[in-house]
């Protein structure tokens, strides 16, 4: 797993508190990736409260139910179940974690998915942007392109404005 902190966002140097928030968010994101790599996707659900706010909103890139936002622990569990309904295997690997700013984290990886009914395997880039607050995720959105994920993260950071 690669992990890095990107430079200060456009507009100048980052304050000490923003720098601390960035480092805290990177550390939490690294721990989440390590847990996933070690124990698999259901481990993330079991440790949900360590990483996410109770009303965490997840917009996946792949879902059995189309364009849907999953909310909270129950929503996260439902998303996992939806993925199992359409795929015999959905595994992420080759993670890279970086901070966009003191609030947004970018996680890039590769995804391999094997269709439940077809048995067809597909691999693609996979990227997710997480918005963090008080050391836990409040929202996340996934993409099937690293470039789309990067652009979405930059756009979200710019829309929020400087720290």
N, C-alpha and C. Protein backbone atom coordinates (compact mmCIF):
# COMPACT_ATOMS: atom_id res chain seq x y z
N UNK A 1 0.85 -1.17 0.00
CA UNK A 1 0.00 0.00 0.00
C UNK A 1 0.90 1.23 0.00
N UNK A 2 0.63 2.14 -0.89
CA UNK A 2 1.35 3.41 -0.91
C UNK A 2 0.50 4.44 -0.18
N UNK A 3 1.15 5.31 0.55
CA UNK A 3 0.43 6.38 1.24
C UNK A 3 1.26 7.64 1.18
N UNK A 4 0.60 8.74 0.86
CA UNK A 4 1.32 9.99 0.78
C UNK A 4 0.38 11.14 1.08
N UNK A 5 0.97 12.27 1.39
CA UNK A 5 0.19 13.49 1.58
C UNK A 5 0.52 14.41 0.43
N UNK A 6 -0.49 14.84 -0.29
CA UNK A 6 -0.30 15.78 -1.38
C UNK A 6 0.08 17.13 -0.80
N UNK A 7 0.55 18.05 -1.64
CA UNK A 7 0.92 19.39 -1.18
C UNK A 7 -0.28 20.17 -0.71
N UNK A 8 -0.03 21.35 -0.20
CA UNK A 8 -1.10 22.23 0.27
C UNK A 8 -2.03 22.55 -0.88
N UNK A 9 -3.32 22.67 -0.63
CA UNK A 9 -4.25 23.00 -1.69
C UNK A 9 -3.94 24.38 -2.24
N UNK A 10 -4.49 24.64 -3.43
CA UNK A 10 -4.30 25.95 -4.03
C UNK A 10 -4.69 27.02 -3.03
N UNK A 11 -3.93 28.09 -3.01
CA UNK A 11 -4.28 29.17 -2.11
C UNK A 11 -3.27 29.36 -1.00
N UNK A 12 -2.22 28.51 -0.93
CA UNK A 12 -1.17 28.78 0.03
C UNK A 12 -0.98 27.69 1.05
N UNK A 13 -0.12 27.98 2.02
CA UNK A 13 0.23 26.99 3.03
C UNK A 13 -0.95 26.63 3.94
N UNK A 14 -0.85 25.46 4.50
CA UNK A 14 -1.90 24.94 5.36
C UNK A 14 -1.60 25.31 6.81
N UNK A 15 -2.62 25.64 7.58
CA UNK A 15 -2.45 25.94 8.99
C UNK A 15 -2.01 24.69 9.75
N UNK A 16 -1.50 24.88 10.95
CA UNK A 16 -1.07 23.75 11.77
C UNK A 16 -2.23 22.82 12.07
N UNK A 17 -3.41 23.37 12.39
CA UNK A 17 -4.56 22.51 12.70
C UNK A 17 -5.02 21.76 11.46
N UNK A 18 -4.96 22.41 10.29
CA UNK A 18 -5.34 21.73 9.05
C UNK A 18 -4.35 20.62 8.73
N UNK A 19 -3.07 20.88 8.97
CA UNK A 19 -2.04 19.88 8.74
C UNK A 19 -2.24 18.68 9.67
N UNK A 20 -2.60 18.93 10.93
CA UNK A 20 -2.87 17.85 11.87
C UNK A 20 -4.09 17.04 11.43
N UNK A 21 -5.13 17.73 10.96
CA UNK A 21 -6.33 17.03 10.49
C UNK A 21 -5.99 16.16 9.29
N UNK A 22 -5.19 16.68 8.38
CA UNK A 22 -4.77 15.92 7.20
C UNK A 22 -4.04 14.64 7.64
N UNK A 23 -3.08 14.78 8.53
CA UNK A 23 -2.33 13.62 8.99
C UNK A 23 -3.22 12.60 9.71
N UNK A 24 -4.13 13.09 10.54
CA UNK A 24 -5.07 12.19 11.23
C UNK A 24 -5.93 11.44 10.21
N UNK A 25 -6.43 12.14 9.21
CA UNK A 25 -7.27 11.50 8.20
C UNK A 25 -6.49 10.47 7.39
N UNK A 26 -5.24 10.79 7.07
CA UNK A 26 -4.40 9.81 6.36
C UNK A 26 -4.18 8.57 7.21
N UNK A 27 -3.88 8.75 8.49
CA UNK A 27 -3.64 7.61 9.38
C UNK A 27 -4.88 6.72 9.49
N UNK A 28 -6.04 7.32 9.64
CA UNK A 28 -7.28 6.55 9.73
C UNK A 28 -7.54 5.80 8.43
N UNK A 29 -7.31 6.48 7.31
CA UNK A 29 -7.52 5.85 6.01
C UNK A 29 -6.56 4.69 5.79
N UNK A 30 -5.31 4.86 6.21
CA UNK A 30 -4.34 3.77 6.11
C UNK A 30 -4.78 2.57 6.94
N UNK A 31 -5.24 2.84 8.16
CA UNK A 31 -5.71 1.75 9.03
C UNK A 31 -6.88 1.01 8.40
N UNK A 32 -7.79 1.75 7.77
CA UNK A 32 -8.95 1.14 7.11
C UNK A 32 -8.49 0.24 5.97
N UNK A 33 -7.57 0.72 5.15
CA UNK A 33 -7.05 -0.08 4.04
C UNK A 33 -6.34 -1.33 4.57
N UNK A 34 -5.53 -1.17 5.60
CA UNK A 34 -4.84 -2.32 6.18
C UNK A 34 -5.82 -3.36 6.72
N UNK A 35 -6.87 -2.92 7.36
CA UNK A 35 -7.91 -3.83 7.85
C UNK A 35 -8.55 -4.58 6.68
N UNK A 36 -8.90 -3.86 5.62
CA UNK A 36 -9.50 -4.48 4.44
C UNK A 36 -8.55 -5.51 3.84
N UNK A 37 -7.28 -5.15 3.69
CA UNK A 37 -6.30 -6.07 3.10
C UNK A 37 -6.10 -7.32 3.96
N UNK A 38 -6.13 -7.14 5.26
CA UNK A 38 -5.87 -8.24 6.19
C UNK A 38 -7.09 -9.15 6.37
N UNK A 39 -8.30 -8.55 6.47
CA UNK A 39 -9.47 -9.33 6.87
C UNK A 39 -10.63 -9.31 5.88
N UNK A 40 -10.56 -8.49 4.84
CA UNK A 40 -11.61 -8.46 3.84
C UNK A 40 -12.67 -7.41 4.10
N UNK A 41 -13.61 -7.28 3.15
CA UNK A 41 -14.60 -6.19 3.21
C UNK A 41 -15.55 -6.26 4.40
N UNK A 42 -15.89 -7.44 4.87
CA UNK A 42 -16.83 -7.51 6.00
C UNK A 42 -16.19 -7.02 7.30
N UNK A 43 -14.86 -7.04 7.37
CA UNK A 43 -14.18 -6.49 8.55
C UNK A 43 -14.44 -4.99 8.65
N UNK A 44 -14.52 -4.32 7.51
CA UNK A 44 -14.81 -2.88 7.53
C UNK A 44 -16.19 -2.64 8.15
N UNK A 45 -17.15 -3.45 7.79
CA UNK A 45 -18.50 -3.31 8.37
C UNK A 45 -18.46 -3.58 9.87
N UNK A 46 -17.71 -4.59 10.29
CA UNK A 46 -17.63 -4.92 11.73
C UNK A 46 -16.99 -3.78 12.52
N UNK A 47 -16.10 -3.03 11.90
CA UNK A 47 -15.41 -1.92 12.57
C UNK A 47 -15.94 -0.56 12.11
N UNK A 48 -17.14 -0.54 11.59
CA UNK A 48 -17.74 0.66 11.00
C UNK A 48 -17.58 1.89 11.89
N UNK A 49 -17.92 1.77 13.16
CA UNK A 49 -17.93 2.92 14.07
C UNK A 49 -16.55 3.53 14.29
N UNK A 50 -15.49 2.76 14.07
CA UNK A 50 -14.14 3.29 14.21
C UNK A 50 -13.78 4.24 13.07
N UNK A 51 -14.39 4.04 11.92
CA UNK A 51 -13.97 4.74 10.72
C UNK A 51 -15.00 5.73 10.17
N UNK A 52 -16.26 5.54 10.52
CA UNK A 52 -17.33 6.33 9.90
C UNK A 52 -18.29 6.91 10.93
N UNK A 53 -18.84 8.08 10.60
CA UNK A 53 -19.90 8.67 11.40
C UNK A 53 -21.16 7.81 11.25
N UNK A 54 -22.08 7.87 12.22
CA UNK A 54 -23.29 7.04 12.16
C UNK A 54 -24.12 7.25 10.88
N UNK A 55 -24.11 8.45 10.35
CA UNK A 55 -24.90 8.73 9.14
C UNK A 55 -24.04 8.82 7.88
N UNK A 56 -22.92 8.11 7.87
CA UNK A 56 -22.03 8.06 6.71
C UNK A 56 -22.83 7.76 5.44
N UNK A 57 -22.59 8.53 4.39
CA UNK A 57 -23.26 8.34 3.11
C UNK A 57 -22.28 7.78 2.09
N UNK A 58 -22.61 6.64 1.51
CA UNK A 58 -21.74 5.94 0.56
C UNK A 58 -22.43 5.86 -0.80
N UNK A 59 -21.73 6.37 -1.83
CA UNK A 59 -22.21 6.29 -3.21
C UNK A 59 -21.22 5.43 -3.97
N UNK A 60 -21.54 4.15 -4.14
CA UNK A 60 -20.60 3.23 -4.78
C UNK A 60 -20.56 3.41 -6.30
N UNK A 61 -19.49 2.91 -6.89
CA UNK A 61 -19.36 2.90 -8.35
C UNK A 61 -20.12 1.71 -8.93
N UNK A 62 -20.25 0.65 -8.15
CA UNK A 62 -20.91 -0.57 -8.59
C UNK A 62 -21.99 -0.91 -7.57
N UNK A 63 -23.20 -1.13 -8.03
CA UNK A 63 -24.28 -1.50 -7.12
C UNK A 63 -25.32 -2.31 -7.86
N UNK A 64 -25.86 -3.29 -7.18
CA UNK A 64 -26.93 -4.10 -7.77
C UNK A 64 -28.21 -3.29 -7.93
N UNK A 65 -28.31 -2.18 -7.22
CA UNK A 65 -29.54 -1.39 -7.23
C UNK A 65 -29.40 -0.07 -7.97
N UNK A 66 -28.39 0.04 -8.84
CA UNK A 66 -28.23 1.26 -9.62
C UNK A 66 -27.61 2.39 -8.82
N UNK A 67 -27.98 3.61 -9.17
CA UNK A 67 -27.40 4.81 -8.55
C UNK A 67 -28.09 5.07 -7.22
N UNK A 68 -27.50 4.57 -6.16
CA UNK A 68 -28.12 4.64 -4.84
C UNK A 68 -27.12 5.14 -3.82
N UNK A 69 -27.60 5.87 -2.84
CA UNK A 69 -26.77 6.28 -1.72
C UNK A 69 -27.14 5.41 -0.52
N UNK A 70 -26.13 4.80 0.07
CA UNK A 70 -26.31 3.94 1.24
C UNK A 70 -25.93 4.76 2.47
N UNK A 71 -26.77 4.73 3.50
CA UNK A 71 -26.57 5.59 4.67
C UNK A 71 -26.38 4.75 5.93
N UNK A 72 -25.35 5.11 6.69
CA UNK A 72 -25.11 4.50 7.99
C UNK A 72 -24.60 3.08 7.91
N UNK A 73 -24.46 2.49 9.09
CA UNK A 73 -23.96 1.11 9.18
C UNK A 73 -24.88 0.15 8.44
N UNK A 74 -26.18 0.30 8.63
CA UNK A 74 -27.12 -0.59 7.95
C UNK A 74 -27.01 -0.44 6.44
N UNK A 75 -26.87 0.79 5.98
CA UNK A 75 -26.69 1.02 4.55
C UNK A 75 -25.42 0.39 4.03
N UNK A 76 -24.34 0.51 4.81
CA UNK A 76 -23.07 -0.10 4.40
C UNK A 76 -23.21 -1.61 4.31
N UNK A 77 -23.89 -2.20 5.29
CA UNK A 77 -24.14 -3.65 5.28
C UNK A 77 -24.97 -4.04 4.06
N UNK A 78 -26.00 -3.24 3.75
CA UNK A 78 -26.85 -3.52 2.59
C UNK A 78 -26.03 -3.46 1.31
N UNK A 79 -25.13 -2.48 1.22
CA UNK A 79 -24.28 -2.39 0.03
C UNK A 79 -23.42 -3.64 -0.12
N UNK A 80 -22.83 -4.11 0.99
CA UNK A 80 -22.03 -5.34 0.94
C UNK A 80 -22.89 -6.51 0.43
N UNK A 81 -24.10 -6.61 0.96
CA UNK A 81 -25.01 -7.68 0.53
C UNK A 81 -25.38 -7.54 -0.94
N UNK A 82 -25.61 -6.30 -1.39
CA UNK A 82 -25.92 -6.05 -2.80
C UNK A 82 -24.76 -6.49 -3.69
N UNK A 83 -23.55 -6.22 -3.27
CA UNK A 83 -22.38 -6.63 -4.04
C UNK A 83 -22.29 -8.15 -4.11
N UNK A 84 -22.55 -8.82 -3.01
CA UNK A 84 -22.52 -10.28 -3.02
C UNK A 84 -23.62 -10.87 -3.90
N UNK A 85 -24.73 -10.15 -4.06
CA UNK A 85 -25.82 -10.62 -4.90
C UNK A 85 -25.45 -10.61 -6.38
N UNK A 86 -24.52 -9.73 -6.77
CA UNK A 86 -24.17 -9.64 -8.20
C UNK A 86 -22.79 -10.21 -8.52
N UNK A 87 -21.97 -10.45 -7.50
CA UNK A 87 -20.59 -10.86 -7.77
C UNK A 87 -20.16 -12.01 -6.87
N UNK A 88 -19.51 -13.00 -7.49
CA UNK A 88 -18.89 -14.06 -6.71
C UNK A 88 -17.62 -13.54 -6.04
N UNK A 89 -17.02 -12.54 -6.67
CA UNK A 89 -15.79 -11.97 -6.13
C UNK A 89 -15.77 -10.48 -6.48
N UNK A 90 -15.43 -9.66 -5.52
CA UNK A 90 -15.22 -8.23 -5.74
C UNK A 90 -14.10 -7.82 -4.78
N UNK A 91 -12.90 -7.79 -5.30
CA UNK A 91 -11.72 -7.58 -4.47
C UNK A 91 -10.94 -6.37 -4.97
N UNK A 92 -10.51 -5.55 -4.03
CA UNK A 92 -9.65 -4.42 -4.35
C UNK A 92 -8.23 -4.75 -3.92
N UNK A 93 -7.26 -4.20 -4.67
CA UNK A 93 -5.85 -4.42 -4.36
C UNK A 93 -5.04 -3.21 -4.82
N UNK A 94 -3.75 -3.24 -4.53
CA UNK A 94 -2.82 -2.19 -4.99
C UNK A 94 -3.28 -0.79 -4.57
N UNK A 95 -3.48 -0.61 -3.31
CA UNK A 95 -4.00 0.66 -2.78
C UNK A 95 -2.95 1.76 -2.74
N UNK A 96 -3.41 2.98 -3.00
CA UNK A 96 -2.63 4.20 -2.79
C UNK A 96 -3.55 5.16 -2.04
N UNK A 97 -3.06 5.72 -0.94
CA UNK A 97 -3.84 6.62 -0.11
C UNK A 97 -3.15 7.98 -0.09
N UNK A 98 -3.91 9.04 -0.36
CA UNK A 98 -3.33 10.38 -0.31
C UNK A 98 -4.39 11.37 0.19
N UNK A 99 -3.89 12.46 0.75
CA UNK A 99 -4.78 13.52 1.22
C UNK A 99 -4.94 14.55 0.10
N UNK A 100 -6.17 14.95 -0.15
CA UNK A 100 -6.43 16.04 -1.08
C UNK A 100 -6.26 17.36 -0.34
N UNK A 101 -6.78 17.42 0.86
CA UNK A 101 -6.62 18.56 1.76
C UNK A 101 -6.87 18.06 3.17
N UNK A 102 -7.24 18.94 4.08
CA UNK A 102 -7.44 18.52 5.47
C UNK A 102 -8.79 17.86 5.70
N UNK A 103 -9.62 17.77 4.67
CA UNK A 103 -10.94 17.18 4.83
C UNK A 103 -11.20 16.00 3.89
N UNK A 104 -10.53 15.95 2.76
CA UNK A 104 -10.80 14.92 1.76
C UNK A 104 -9.59 14.01 1.56
N UNK A 105 -9.88 12.70 1.48
CA UNK A 105 -8.87 11.69 1.26
C UNK A 105 -9.21 10.93 -0.02
N UNK A 106 -8.19 10.64 -0.80
CA UNK A 106 -8.32 9.89 -2.05
C UNK A 106 -7.72 8.51 -1.86
N UNK A 107 -8.48 7.47 -2.18
CA UNK A 107 -7.99 6.10 -2.11
C UNK A 107 -8.13 5.50 -3.50
N UNK A 108 -6.99 5.15 -4.10
CA UNK A 108 -6.97 4.54 -5.43
C UNK A 108 -6.58 3.08 -5.29
N UNK A 109 -7.17 2.24 -6.15
CA UNK A 109 -6.85 0.82 -6.12
C UNK A 109 -7.22 0.20 -7.46
N UNK A 110 -7.08 -1.11 -7.53
CA UNK A 110 -7.56 -1.91 -8.66
C UNK A 110 -8.71 -2.76 -8.12
N UNK A 111 -9.71 -3.01 -8.96
CA UNK A 111 -10.82 -3.87 -8.56
C UNK A 111 -10.95 -5.03 -9.55
N UNK A 112 -11.14 -6.19 -8.98
CA UNK A 112 -11.45 -7.38 -9.78
C UNK A 112 -12.82 -7.84 -9.33
N UNK A 113 -13.70 -8.01 -10.31
CA UNK A 113 -15.05 -8.46 -10.00
C UNK A 113 -15.40 -9.62 -10.92
N UNK A 114 -16.03 -10.65 -10.35
CA UNK A 114 -16.47 -11.81 -11.12
C UNK A 114 -17.99 -11.89 -10.97
N UNK A 115 -18.69 -11.80 -12.08
CA UNK A 115 -20.15 -11.81 -12.06
C UNK A 115 -20.72 -13.11 -11.52
N UNK A 116 -21.73 -13.01 -10.68
CA UNK A 116 -22.34 -14.19 -10.06
C UNK A 116 -22.99 -15.08 -11.11
N UNK A 117 -23.78 -14.52 -11.99
CA UNK A 117 -24.49 -15.33 -12.99
C UNK A 117 -23.62 -15.66 -14.19
N UNK A 118 -22.86 -14.69 -14.67
CA UNK A 118 -22.08 -14.90 -15.89
C UNK A 118 -20.75 -15.61 -15.64
N UNK A 119 -20.19 -15.42 -14.47
CA UNK A 119 -18.86 -15.95 -14.20
C UNK A 119 -17.76 -15.15 -14.89
N UNK A 120 -18.15 -14.11 -15.59
CA UNK A 120 -17.18 -13.28 -16.30
C UNK A 120 -16.40 -12.42 -15.31
N UNK A 121 -15.10 -12.34 -15.55
CA UNK A 121 -14.24 -11.52 -14.70
C UNK A 121 -13.93 -10.21 -15.41
N UNK A 122 -13.86 -9.16 -14.62
CA UNK A 122 -13.47 -7.85 -15.15
C UNK A 122 -12.57 -7.18 -14.13
N UNK A 123 -11.60 -6.44 -14.63
CA UNK A 123 -10.72 -5.67 -13.76
C UNK A 123 -10.76 -4.23 -14.21
N UNK A 124 -10.66 -3.33 -13.25
CA UNK A 124 -10.65 -1.91 -13.58
C UNK A 124 -9.95 -1.13 -12.49
N UNK A 125 -9.68 0.11 -12.81
CA UNK A 125 -9.25 1.04 -11.78
C UNK A 125 -10.43 1.26 -10.86
N UNK A 126 -10.13 1.63 -9.64
CA UNK A 126 -11.18 1.94 -8.66
C UNK A 126 -10.64 3.06 -7.80
N UNK A 127 -11.42 4.08 -7.61
CA UNK A 127 -11.00 5.19 -6.78
C UNK A 127 -12.15 5.66 -5.92
N UNK A 128 -11.84 6.14 -4.74
CA UNK A 128 -12.88 6.65 -3.85
C UNK A 128 -12.38 7.93 -3.19
N UNK A 129 -13.30 8.86 -3.03
CA UNK A 129 -13.03 10.11 -2.32
C UNK A 129 -13.86 10.08 -1.05
N UNK A 130 -13.18 10.29 0.08
CA UNK A 130 -13.85 10.30 1.38
C UNK A 130 -13.77 11.69 1.98
N UNK A 131 -14.91 12.16 2.45
CA UNK A 131 -14.94 13.40 3.22
C UNK A 131 -14.87 13.02 4.68
N UNK A 132 -13.94 13.65 5.40
CA UNK A 132 -13.68 13.31 6.79
C UNK A 132 -14.09 14.46 7.69
N UNK A 133 -14.53 14.10 8.90
CA UNK A 133 -14.86 15.09 9.92
C UNK A 133 -14.58 14.45 11.28
N UNK A 134 -13.83 15.13 12.11
CA UNK A 134 -13.50 14.63 13.44
C UNK A 134 -12.89 13.23 13.39
N UNK A 135 -12.08 12.98 12.38
CA UNK A 135 -11.37 11.72 12.29
C UNK A 135 -12.19 10.54 11.79
N UNK A 136 -13.37 10.79 11.25
CA UNK A 136 -14.18 9.69 10.69
C UNK A 136 -14.83 10.15 9.40
N UNK A 137 -15.12 9.20 8.53
CA UNK A 137 -15.75 9.51 7.26
C UNK A 137 -17.20 9.92 7.43
N UNK A 138 -17.59 10.98 6.75
CA UNK A 138 -18.99 11.40 6.74
C UNK A 138 -19.64 11.10 5.40
N UNK A 139 -18.81 10.97 4.35
CA UNK A 139 -19.34 10.66 3.02
C UNK A 139 -18.23 10.06 2.18
N UNK A 140 -18.63 9.22 1.24
CA UNK A 140 -17.67 8.63 0.32
C UNK A 140 -18.34 8.38 -1.01
N UNK A 141 -17.55 8.52 -2.07
CA UNK A 141 -18.06 8.26 -3.41
C UNK A 141 -16.98 7.53 -4.19
N UNK A 142 -17.38 6.47 -4.89
CA UNK A 142 -16.43 5.65 -5.64
C UNK A 142 -16.58 5.87 -7.15
N UNK A 143 -15.50 5.56 -7.85
CA UNK A 143 -15.43 5.74 -9.30
C UNK A 143 -14.66 4.56 -9.90
N UNK A 144 -14.93 4.27 -11.16
CA UNK A 144 -14.21 3.20 -11.85
C UNK A 144 -13.06 3.77 -12.69
N UNK A 145 -12.57 4.92 -12.28
CA UNK A 145 -11.44 5.57 -12.94
C UNK A 145 -10.68 6.38 -11.90
N UNK A 146 -9.36 6.23 -11.89
CA UNK A 146 -8.54 7.04 -10.99
C UNK A 146 -8.68 8.52 -11.32
N UNK A 147 -8.70 8.83 -12.60
CA UNK A 147 -8.80 10.23 -13.01
C UNK A 147 -10.12 10.84 -12.55
N UNK A 148 -11.22 10.13 -12.70
CA UNK A 148 -12.52 10.64 -12.23
C UNK A 148 -12.50 10.87 -10.73
N UNK A 149 -11.90 9.96 -9.99
CA UNK A 149 -11.83 10.10 -8.53
C UNK A 149 -10.98 11.32 -8.16
N UNK A 150 -9.82 11.46 -8.81
CA UNK A 150 -8.96 12.62 -8.52
C UNK A 150 -9.70 13.93 -8.79
N UNK A 151 -10.33 14.01 -9.96
CA UNK A 151 -11.05 15.24 -10.33
C UNK A 151 -12.19 15.53 -9.36
N UNK A 152 -12.92 14.49 -8.96
CA UNK A 152 -14.02 14.69 -8.01
C UNK A 152 -13.50 15.18 -6.66
N UNK A 153 -12.37 14.65 -6.23
CA UNK A 153 -11.78 15.10 -4.97
C UNK A 153 -11.32 16.55 -5.02
N UNK A 154 -10.68 16.92 -6.10
CA UNK A 154 -10.24 18.31 -6.28
C UNK A 154 -11.44 19.24 -6.33
N UNK A 155 -12.46 18.84 -7.07
CA UNK A 155 -13.68 19.65 -7.17
C UNK A 155 -14.35 19.82 -5.80
N UNK A 156 -14.43 18.75 -5.03
CA UNK A 156 -15.05 18.82 -3.70
C UNK A 156 -14.25 19.74 -2.79
N UNK A 157 -12.93 19.65 -2.87
CA UNK A 157 -12.07 20.50 -2.05
C UNK A 157 -12.23 21.97 -2.43
N UNK A 158 -12.26 22.25 -3.70
CA UNK A 158 -12.42 23.63 -4.16
C UNK A 158 -13.79 24.18 -3.79
N UNK A 159 -14.82 23.34 -3.88
CA UNK A 159 -16.18 23.80 -3.54
C UNK A 159 -16.27 24.16 -2.07
N UNK A 160 -15.51 23.47 -1.25
CA UNK A 160 -15.51 23.73 0.19
C UNK A 160 -14.76 25.00 0.53
N UNK A 161 -13.75 25.33 -0.26
CA UNK A 161 -12.98 26.54 0.01
C UNK A 161 -11.80 26.27 0.90
N UNK A 162 -10.98 27.29 1.16
CA UNK A 162 -9.77 27.09 1.97
C UNK A 162 -10.10 26.77 3.42
N UNK A 163 -9.14 26.07 4.06
CA UNK A 163 -9.29 25.69 5.47
C UNK A 163 -9.15 26.88 6.37
